[in-house]
């Protein structure tokens, strides 16, 4: 409810006592004609319109008592409310809103929600979680053609038209450091042949090759994703990586 200003009521009573017209009162007081009428009728009902202008608390109490409280808005039930825990689990698994929506449609036959509803739910989760370190981006300035950054990560299960079933999918992203132009590809395996072919396709699309390629996550993108070694070998290679640095 809009706060009632006591000096507005005082001026309204004073001008009414001078037989000033209603519209002129509204203009002089600086309120709308509807608000002037609302205040005037409330004071008239309480018998205060003809009274003294110095009883400010009494005037405001009368007006506020005549204004019915606005109903508290209730949040509409979302079409994805019943899928809250499922969506949260998918987000925790690294999925984004669109991929989560696709998985729900494919994996849950009775899911009838919309993409916008899933996006709103994802935003609610992110606000409740707060800012994460991975959400903070530090820009890197490079010369043209100097550096490309590569990332390779999971995006959950997607429909593979070649096999006709849901399969674990991965996204390959190559971003040029200078222009920030990017190339994205969705694949369904992490073989070394796939990893190399993705680079070839990216450079063909860009029309050239940069001097340096820097994987965003060396262990995931090169050691495990490309070669498929086990955790014991990962730890040994981590030691070598620490000794020799992370240049690609």
C-alpha atoms as a PDB file:
ATOM      1  CA  UNK A   1       0.000   0.000   0.000  1.00  0.00           C
ATOM      2  CA  UNK A   2       1.318   3.416  -0.975  1.00  0.00           C
ATOM      3  CA  UNK A   3       2.381   5.420   2.065  1.00  0.00           C
ATOM      4  CA  UNK A   4      -0.092   8.179   2.909  1.00  0.00           C
ATOM      5  CA  UNK A   5       1.645  11.529   3.376  1.00  0.00           C
ATOM      6  CA  UNK A   6       0.205  13.455   6.293  1.00  0.00           C
ATOM      7  CA  UNK A   7       0.882  16.883   4.808  1.00  0.00           C
ATOM      8  CA  UNK A   8      -1.138  15.863   1.704  1.00  0.00           C
ATOM      9  CA  UNK A   9      -4.126  15.128   3.932  1.00  0.00           C
ATOM     10  CA  UNK A  10      -3.636  18.355   5.836  1.00  0.00           C
ATOM     11  CA  UNK A  11      -3.587  20.364   2.606  1.00  0.00           C
ATOM     12  CA  UNK A  12      -6.604  18.457   1.248  1.00  0.00           C
ATOM     13  CA  UNK A  13      -8.680  19.304   4.325  1.00  0.00           C
ATOM     14  CA  UNK A  14      -7.566  22.936   4.189  1.00  0.00           C
ATOM     15  CA  UNK A  15      -8.441  23.321   0.496  1.00  0.00           C
ATOM     16  CA  UNK A  16     -11.780  21.548   0.963  1.00  0.00           C
ATOM     17  CA  UNK A  17     -12.618  24.031   3.686  1.00  0.00           C
ATOM     18  CA  UNK A  18     -11.973  26.784   1.140  1.00  0.00           C
ATOM     19  CA  UNK A  19     -14.525  25.134  -1.224  1.00  0.00           C
ATOM     20  CA  UNK A  20     -11.814  24.393  -3.789  1.00  0.00           C
ATOM     21  CA  UNK A  21     -12.832  22.125  -6.675  1.00  0.00           C
ATOM     22  CA  UNK A  22     -11.833  18.482  -6.491  1.00  0.00           C
ATOM     23  CA  UNK A  23      -9.606  18.477  -9.575  1.00  0.00           C
ATOM     24  CA  UNK A  24      -7.887  21.677  -8.502  1.00  0.00           C
ATOM     25  CA  UNK A  25      -7.283  20.145  -5.062  1.00  0.00           C
ATOM     26  CA  UNK A  26      -5.612  17.149  -6.681  1.00  0.00           C
ATOM     27  CA  UNK A  27      -3.435  19.416  -8.822  1.00  0.00           C
ATOM     28  CA  UNK A  28      -2.440  21.691  -5.925  1.00  0.00           C
ATOM     29  CA  UNK A  29      -1.691  18.802  -3.575  1.00  0.00           C
ATOM     30  CA  UNK A  30       0.236  16.951  -6.296  1.00  0.00           C
ATOM     31  CA  UNK A  31      -1.807  13.752  -6.301  1.00  0.00           C
ATOM     32  CA  UNK A  32      -3.966  12.063  -8.896  1.00  0.00           C
ATOM     33  CA  UNK A  33      -7.739  12.735  -9.050  1.00  0.00           C
ATOM     34  CA  UNK A  34      -8.379   9.116  -8.059  1.00  0.00           C
ATOM     35  CA  UNK A  35      -6.142   9.443  -5.002  1.00  0.00           C
ATOM     36  CA  UNK A  36      -7.780  12.753  -4.076  1.00  0.00           C
ATOM     37  CA  UNK A  37     -11.218  11.118  -4.273  1.00  0.00           C
ATOM     38  CA  UNK A  38     -10.011   8.138  -2.225  1.00  0.00           C
ATOM     39  CA  UNK A  39      -8.627  10.394   0.529  1.00  0.00           C
ATOM     40  CA  UNK A  40     -11.631  12.730   0.478  1.00  0.00           C
ATOM     41  CA  UNK A  41     -14.238   9.965   0.793  1.00  0.00           C
ATOM     42  CA  UNK A  42     -12.288   8.263   3.592  1.00  0.00           C
ATOM     43  CA  UNK A  43     -12.063  11.504   5.583  1.00  0.00           C
ATOM     44  CA  UNK A  44     -15.707  12.295   4.870  1.00  0.00           C
ATOM     45  CA  UNK A  45     -16.754   8.838   6.113  1.00  0.00           C
ATOM     46  CA  UNK A  46     -14.727   9.373   9.317  1.00  0.00           C
ATOM     47  CA  UNK A  47     -16.217  12.861   9.844  1.00  0.00           C
ATOM     48  CA  UNK A  48     -12.825  14.509   9.541  1.00  0.00           C
ATOM     49  CA  UNK A  49     -13.170  16.415   6.271  1.00  0.00           C
ATOM     50  CA  UNK A  50     -14.714  19.382   8.058  1.00  0.00           C
ATOM     51  CA  UNK A  51     -12.450  19.104  11.105  1.00  0.00           C
ATOM     52  CA  UNK A  52      -9.182  20.789  12.140  1.00  0.00           C
ATOM     53  CA  UNK A  53      -6.166  20.326   9.886  1.00  0.00           C
ATOM     54  CA  UNK A  54      -3.654  19.811  12.695  1.00  0.00           C
ATOM     55  CA  UNK A  55      -4.811  16.324  13.724  1.00  0.00           C
ATOM     56  CA  UNK A  56      -2.407  14.679  11.276  1.00  0.00           C
ATOM     57  CA  UNK A  57      -2.106  11.199  12.834  1.00  0.00           C
ATOM     58  CA  UNK A  58      -5.888  10.951  13.072  1.00  0.00           C
ATOM     59  CA  UNK A  59      -6.291  11.952   9.426  1.00  0.00           C
ATOM     60  CA  UNK A  60      -3.836   9.372   8.196  1.00  0.00           C
ATOM     61  CA  UNK A  61      -5.261   6.629  10.400  1.00  0.00           C
ATOM     62  CA  UNK A  62      -8.710   7.256   8.920  1.00  0.00           C
ATOM     63  CA  UNK A  63      -7.454   7.066   5.331  1.00  0.00           C
ATOM     64  CA  UNK A  64      -5.380   3.943   5.915  1.00  0.00           C
ATOM     65  CA  UNK A  65      -8.261   2.235   7.692  1.00  0.00           C
ATOM     66  CA  UNK A  66     -10.477   2.847   4.654  1.00  0.00           C
ATOM     67  CA  UNK A  67      -7.954   1.330   2.228  1.00  0.00           C
ATOM     68  CA  UNK A  68      -8.398  -2.442   1.984  1.00  0.00           C
ATOM     69  CA  UNK A  69      -5.103  -4.333   2.217  1.00  0.00           C
ATOM     70  CA  UNK A  70      -3.810  -5.653  -1.065  1.00  0.00           C
ATOM     71  CA  UNK A  71      -3.868  -9.430  -1.290  1.00  0.00           C
ATOM     72  CA  UNK A  72      -0.510 -11.110  -0.981  1.00  0.00           C
ATOM     73  CA  UNK A  73       0.447 -12.410  -4.418  1.00  0.00           C
ATOM     74  CA  UNK A  74       0.841 -16.154  -4.562  1.00  0.00           C
ATOM     75  CA  UNK A  75       3.336 -17.806  -6.853  1.00  0.00           C
ATOM     76  CA  UNK A  76       1.681 -19.829  -9.555  1.00  0.00           C
ATOM     77  CA  UNK A  77       2.463 -23.509  -9.572  1.00  0.00           C
ATOM     78  CA  UNK A  78       5.127 -24.063 -12.213  1.00  0.00           C
ATOM     79  CA  UNK A  79       4.898 -26.893 -14.731  1.00  0.00           C
ATOM     80  CA  UNK A  80       8.322 -28.077 -13.540  1.00  0.00           C
ATOM     81  CA  UNK A  81       7.785 -27.920  -9.773  1.00  0.00           C
ATOM     82  CA  UNK A  82       7.422 -31.687  -9.471  1.00  0.00           C
ATOM     83  CA  UNK A  83      10.727 -32.096 -11.333  1.00  0.00           C
ATOM     84  CA  UNK A  84      12.693 -29.804  -9.016  1.00  0.00           C
ATOM     85  CA  UNK A  85      14.961 -32.489  -7.567  1.00  0.00           C
ATOM     86  CA  UNK A  86      15.540 -34.054 -10.985  1.00  0.00           C
ATOM     87  CA  UNK A  87      16.524 -30.705 -12.490  1.00  0.00           C
ATOM     88  CA  UNK A  88      18.818 -29.959  -9.555  1.00  0.00           C
ATOM     89  CA  UNK A  89      20.578 -33.296 -10.005  1.00  0.00           C
ATOM     90  CA  UNK A  90      21.071 -32.612 -13.721  1.00  0.00           C
ATOM     91  CA  UNK A  91      22.489 -29.150 -12.998  1.00  0.00           C
ATOM     92  CA  UNK A  92      24.837 -30.590 -10.374  1.00  0.00           C
ATOM     93  CA  UNK A  93      25.980 -33.035 -13.056  1.00  0.00           C
ATOM     94  CA  UNK A  94      27.121 -30.105 -15.185  1.00  0.00           C
ATOM     95  CA  UNK A  95      24.075 -29.665 -17.405  1.00  0.00           C
ATOM     96  CA  UNK A  96      22.671 -26.343 -18.556  1.00  0.00           C
ATOM     97  CA  UNK A  97      19.031 -25.290 -18.917  1.00  0.00           C
ATOM     98  CA  UNK A  98      18.508 -26.316 -22.550  1.00  0.00           C
ATOM     99  CA  UNK A  99      20.275 -29.653 -22.181  1.00  0.00           C
ATOM    100  CA  UNK A 100      18.307 -30.315 -18.992  1.00  0.00           C
ATOM    101  CA  UNK A 101      15.053 -29.568 -20.807  1.00  0.00           C
ATOM    102  CA  UNK A 102      15.987 -31.963 -23.615  1.00  0.00           C
ATOM    103  CA  UNK A 103      16.829 -34.716 -21.140  1.00  0.00           C
ATOM    104  CA  UNK A 104      13.535 -34.266 -19.307  1.00  0.00           C
ATOM    105  CA  UNK A 105      11.558 -34.536 -22.543  1.00  0.00           C
ATOM    106  CA  UNK A 106      13.460 -37.637 -23.626  1.00  0.00           C
ATOM    107  CA  UNK A 107      13.825 -39.427 -20.289  1.00  0.00           C
ATOM    108  CA  UNK A 108      10.508 -38.510 -18.603  1.00  0.00           C
ATOM    109  CA  UNK A 109       7.486 -39.460 -20.762  1.00  0.00           C
ATOM    110  CA  UNK A 110       5.030 -37.533 -18.546  1.00  0.00           C
ATOM    111  CA  UNK A 111       7.081 -34.311 -18.496  1.00  0.00           C
ATOM    112  CA  UNK A 112       4.940 -31.483 -19.941  1.00  0.00           C
ATOM    113  CA  UNK A 113       6.951 -28.431 -18.888  1.00  0.00           C
ATOM    114  CA  UNK A 114       8.287 -25.700 -21.140  1.00  0.00           C
ATOM    115  CA  UNK A 115      11.862 -24.611 -21.807  1.00  0.00           C
ATOM    116  CA  UNK A 116      11.154 -21.199 -20.251  1.00  0.00           C
ATOM    117  CA  UNK A 117       9.913 -22.880 -17.047  1.00  0.00           C
ATOM    118  CA  UNK A 118      13.094 -24.959 -16.854  1.00  0.00           C
ATOM    119  CA  UNK A 119      15.202 -21.833 -17.399  1.00  0.00           C
ATOM    120  CA  UNK A 120      13.374 -20.015 -14.592  1.00  0.00           C
ATOM    121  CA  UNK A 121      13.957 -22.961 -12.254  1.00  0.00           C
ATOM    122  CA  UNK A 122      17.653 -23.046 -13.165  1.00  0.00           C
ATOM    123  CA  UNK A 123      17.912 -19.310 -12.424  1.00  0.00           C
ATOM    124  CA  UNK A 124      16.310 -19.882  -8.999  1.00  0.00           C
ATOM    125  CA  UNK A 125      18.888 -22.566  -8.219  1.00  0.00           C
ATOM    126  CA  UNK A 126      21.768 -20.347  -9.302  1.00  0.00           C
ATOM    127  CA  UNK A 127      20.522 -17.422  -7.199  1.00  0.00           C
ATOM    128  CA  UNK A 128      20.154 -19.678  -4.159  1.00  0.00           C
ATOM    129  CA  UNK A 129      23.618 -21.158  -4.717  1.00  0.00           C
ATOM    130  CA  UNK A 130      25.328 -17.802  -5.189  1.00  0.00           C
ATOM    131  CA  UNK A 131      28.326 -16.960  -7.352  1.00  0.00           C
ATOM    132  CA  UNK A 132      30.643 -19.881  -8.032  1.00  0.00           C
ATOM    133  CA  UNK A 133      34.324 -19.565  -8.891  1.00  0.00           C
ATOM    134  CA  UNK A 134      33.686 -21.057 -12.336  1.00  0.00           C
ATOM    135  CA  UNK A 135      31.151 -18.294 -13.037  1.00  0.00           C
ATOM    136  CA  UNK A 136      33.857 -15.619 -12.799  1.00  0.00           C
ATOM    137  CA  UNK A 137      35.515 -15.042 -16.170  1.00  0.00           C
ATOM    138  CA  UNK A 138      38.854 -13.256 -16.473  1.00  0.00           C
ATOM    139  CA  UNK A 139      39.380 -12.046 -20.076  1.00  0.00           C
ATOM    140  CA  UNK A 140      42.664 -12.938 -21.749  1.00  0.00           C
ATOM    141  CA  UNK A 141      43.954 -10.532 -24.408  1.00  0.00           C
ATOM    142  CA  UNK A 142      46.087 -12.068 -27.172  1.00  0.00           C
ATOM    143  CA  UNK A 143      47.372 -11.053 -30.595  1.00  0.00           C
ATOM    144  CA  UNK A 144      45.387 -12.099 -33.687  1.00  0.00           C
ATOM    145  CA  UNK A 145      46.124 -15.723 -34.637  1.00  0.00           C
ATOM    146  CA  UNK A 146      48.211 -16.280 -31.519  1.00  0.00           C
ATOM    147  CA  UNK A 147      46.178 -18.435 -29.109  1.00  0.00           C
ATOM    148  CA  UNK A 148      43.088 -20.645 -29.179  1.00  0.00           C
ATOM    149  CA  UNK A 149      41.550 -22.022 -25.992  1.00  0.00           C
ATOM    150  CA  UNK A 150      39.936 -25.461 -26.083  1.00  0.00           C
ATOM    151  CA  UNK A 151      37.491 -27.042 -23.679  1.00  0.00           C
ATOM    152  CA  UNK A 152      35.929 -30.513 -23.761  1.00  0.00           C
ATOM    153  CA  UNK A 153      33.183 -31.401 -21.291  1.00  0.00           C
ATOM    154  CA  UNK A 154      30.099 -33.488 -20.671  1.00  0.00           C
ATOM    155  CA  UNK A 155      26.615 -32.172 -21.491  1.00  0.00           C
ATOM    156  CA  UNK A 156      24.597 -35.181 -20.334  1.00  0.00           C
ATOM    157  CA  UNK A 157      22.678 -37.649 -22.445  1.00  0.00           C
ATOM    158  CA  UNK A 158      21.404 -36.562 -25.851  1.00  0.00           C
ATOM    159  CA  UNK A 159      19.659 -38.367 -28.668  1.00  0.00           C
ATOM    160  CA  UNK A 160      22.095 -39.947 -31.125  1.00  0.00           C
ATOM    161  CA  UNK A 161      20.373 -40.242 -34.516  1.00  0.00           C
ATOM    162  CA  UNK A 162      22.964 -42.756 -35.764  1.00  0.00           C
ATOM    163  CA  UNK A 163      22.296 -45.301 -33.018  1.00  0.00           C
ATOM    164  CA  UNK A 164      18.695 -44.298 -32.344  1.00  0.00           C
ATOM    165  CA  UNK A 165      19.152 -44.017 -28.581  1.00  0.00           C
ATOM    166  CA  UNK A 166      20.232 -41.686 -25.786  1.00  0.00           C
ATOM    167  CA  UNK A 167      23.975 -41.536 -25.324  1.00  0.00           C
ATOM    168  CA  UNK A 168      26.368 -39.663 -23.088  1.00  0.00           C
ATOM    169  CA  UNK A 169      27.424 -36.607 -25.078  1.00  0.00           C
ATOM    170  CA  UNK A 170      30.328 -34.190 -24.950  1.00  0.00           C
ATOM    171  CA  UNK A 171      30.845 -30.683 -26.277  1.00  0.00           C
ATOM    172  CA  UNK A 172      34.087 -29.530 -27.863  1.00  0.00           C
ATOM    173  CA  UNK A 173      34.636 -25.761 -27.863  1.00  0.00           C
ATOM    174  CA  UNK A 174      37.507 -23.871 -29.469  1.00  0.00           C
ATOM    175  CA  UNK A 175      37.671 -20.102 -28.839  1.00  0.00           C
ATOM    176  CA  UNK A 176      40.110 -17.687 -30.473  1.00  0.00           C
ATOM    177  CA  UNK A 177      41.808 -15.573 -27.820  1.00  0.00           C
ATOM    178  CA  UNK A 178      41.780 -12.318 -29.788  1.00  0.00           C
ATOM    179  CA  UNK A 179      38.387 -12.212 -31.543  1.00  0.00           C
ATOM    180  CA  UNK A 180      36.560 -14.618 -29.157  1.00  0.00           C
ATOM    181  CA  UNK A 181      35.141 -16.326 -32.232  1.00  0.00           C
ATOM    182  CA  UNK A 182      34.219 -19.881 -31.293  1.00  0.00           C
ATOM    183  CA  UNK A 183      33.508 -23.264 -32.831  1.00  0.00           C
ATOM    184  CA  UNK A 184      31.343 -25.842 -31.034  1.00  0.00           C
ATOM    185  CA  UNK A 185      30.783 -29.508 -31.786  1.00  0.00           C
ATOM    186  CA  UNK A 186      28.699 -32.202 -30.057  1.00  0.00           C
ATOM    187  CA  UNK A 187      30.162 -35.724 -30.098  1.00  0.00           C
ATOM    188  CA  UNK A 188      29.322 -39.063 -28.497  1.00  0.00           C
ATOM    189  CA  UNK A 189      32.798 -40.435 -27.741  1.00  0.00           C
ATOM    190  CA  UNK A 190      36.166 -39.285 -26.427  1.00  0.00           C
ATOM    191  CA  UNK A 191      38.476 -41.193 -28.741  1.00  0.00           C
ATOM    192  CA  UNK A 192      41.818 -39.710 -29.766  1.00  0.00           C
ATOM    193  CA  UNK A 193      40.671 -39.790 -33.393  1.00  0.00           C
ATOM    194  CA  UNK A 194      37.592 -37.753 -32.489  1.00  0.00           C
ATOM    195  CA  UNK A 195      39.641 -35.287 -30.462  1.00  0.00           C
ATOM    196  CA  UNK A 196      42.035 -34.656 -33.363  1.00  0.00           C
ATOM    197  CA  UNK A 197      39.260 -34.517 -35.976  1.00  0.00           C
ATOM    198  CA  UNK A 198      37.457 -31.862 -33.934  1.00  0.00           C
ATOM    199  CA  UNK A 199      40.542 -29.632 -34.137  1.00  0.00           C
ATOM    200  CA  UNK A 200      40.803 -30.189 -37.881  1.00  0.00           C
ATOM    201  CA  UNK A 201      37.139 -29.276 -38.408  1.00  0.00           C
ATOM    202  CA  UNK A 202      37.447 -26.207 -36.185  1.00  0.00           C
ATOM    203  CA  UNK A 203      40.477 -24.837 -38.058  1.00  0.00           C
ATOM    204  CA  UNK A 204      38.829 -25.586 -41.410  1.00  0.00           C
ATOM    205  CA  UNK A 205      35.798 -23.574 -40.331  1.00  0.00           C
ATOM    206  CA  UNK A 206      37.999 -20.722 -39.098  1.00  0.00           C
ATOM    207  CA  UNK A 207      40.083 -20.756 -42.280  1.00  0.00           C
ATOM    208  CA  UNK A 208      43.447 -20.989 -40.546  1.00  0.00           C
ATOM    209  CA  UNK A 209      45.525 -22.364 -37.681  1.00  0.00           C
ATOM    210  CA  UNK A 210      46.640 -20.412 -34.600  1.00  0.00           C
ATOM    211  CA  UNK A 211      50.164 -20.581 -33.157  1.00  0.00           C
ATOM    212  CA  UNK A 212      49.218 -22.110 -29.792  1.00  0.00           C
ATOM    213  CA  UNK A 213      46.334 -24.257 -28.574  1.00  0.00           C
ATOM    214  CA  UNK A 214      45.706 -24.168 -24.832  1.00  0.00           C
ATOM    215  CA  UNK A 215      43.303 -26.809 -23.422  1.00  0.00           C
ATOM    216  CA  UNK A 216      41.215 -25.393 -20.605  1.00  0.00           C
ATOM    217  CA  UNK A 217      41.420 -28.644 -18.612  1.00  0.00           C
ATOM    218  CA  UNK A 218      44.518 -30.566 -19.664  1.00  0.00           C
ATOM    219  CA  UNK A 219      43.755 -33.808 -17.801  1.00  0.00           C
ATOM    220  CA  UNK A 220      40.168 -34.086 -19.029  1.00  0.00           C
ATOM    221  CA  UNK A 221      40.800 -32.834 -22.544  1.00  0.00           C
ATOM    222  CA  UNK A 222      44.029 -34.674 -23.343  1.00  0.00           C
ATOM    223  CA  UNK A 223      44.919 -37.466 -20.935  1.00  0.00           C
ATOM    224  CA  UNK A 224      41.613 -39.075 -19.981  1.00  0.00           C
ATOM    225  CA  UNK A 225      39.380 -37.808 -22.816  1.00  0.00           C
ATOM    226  CA  UNK A 226      41.769 -38.511 -25.663  1.00  0.00           C
ATOM    227  CA  UNK A 227      43.763 -41.529 -24.425  1.00  0.00           C
ATOM    228  CA  UNK A 228      41.321 -43.058 -21.940  1.00  0.00           C
ATOM    229  CA  UNK A 229      43.842 -44.015 -19.275  1.00  0.00           C
ATOM    230  CA  UNK A 230      42.860 -45.000 -15.748  1.00  0.00           C
ATOM    231  CA  UNK A 231      43.165 -42.942 -12.572  1.00  0.00           C
ATOM    232  CA  UNK A 232      46.541 -44.447 -11.585  1.00  0.00           C
ATOM    233  CA  UNK A 233      48.074 -43.250 -14.846  1.00  0.00           C
ATOM    234  CA  UNK A 234      46.321 -39.914 -14.365  1.00  0.00           C
ATOM    235  CA  UNK A 235      48.148 -39.344 -11.131  1.00  0.00           C
ATOM    236  CA  UNK A 236      51.501 -40.240 -12.676  1.00  0.00           C
ATOM    237  CA  UNK A 237      50.885 -37.939 -15.625  1.00  0.00           C
ATOM    238  CA  UNK A 238      49.777 -35.170 -13.258  1.00  0.00           C
ATOM    239  CA  UNK A 239      53.233 -35.343 -11.702  1.00  0.00           C
ATOM    240  CA  UNK A 240      54.889 -35.012 -15.107  1.00  0.00           C
ATOM    241  CA  UNK A 241      52.545 -32.135 -15.998  1.00  0.00           C
ATOM    242  CA  UNK A 242      53.500 -30.305 -12.802  1.00  0.00           C
ATOM    243  CA  UNK A 243      57.186 -30.785 -13.609  1.00  0.00           C
ATOM    244  CA  UNK A 244      57.002 -29.601 -17.231  1.00  0.00           C
ATOM    245  CA  UNK A 245      54.217 -27.027 -17.107  1.00  0.00           C
ATOM    246  CA  UNK A 246      50.911 -26.834 -18.960  1.00  0.00           C
ATOM    247  CA  UNK A 247      51.919 -25.634 -22.424  1.00  0.00           C
ATOM    248  CA  UNK A 248      50.203 -27.383 -25.292  1.00  0.00           C
END
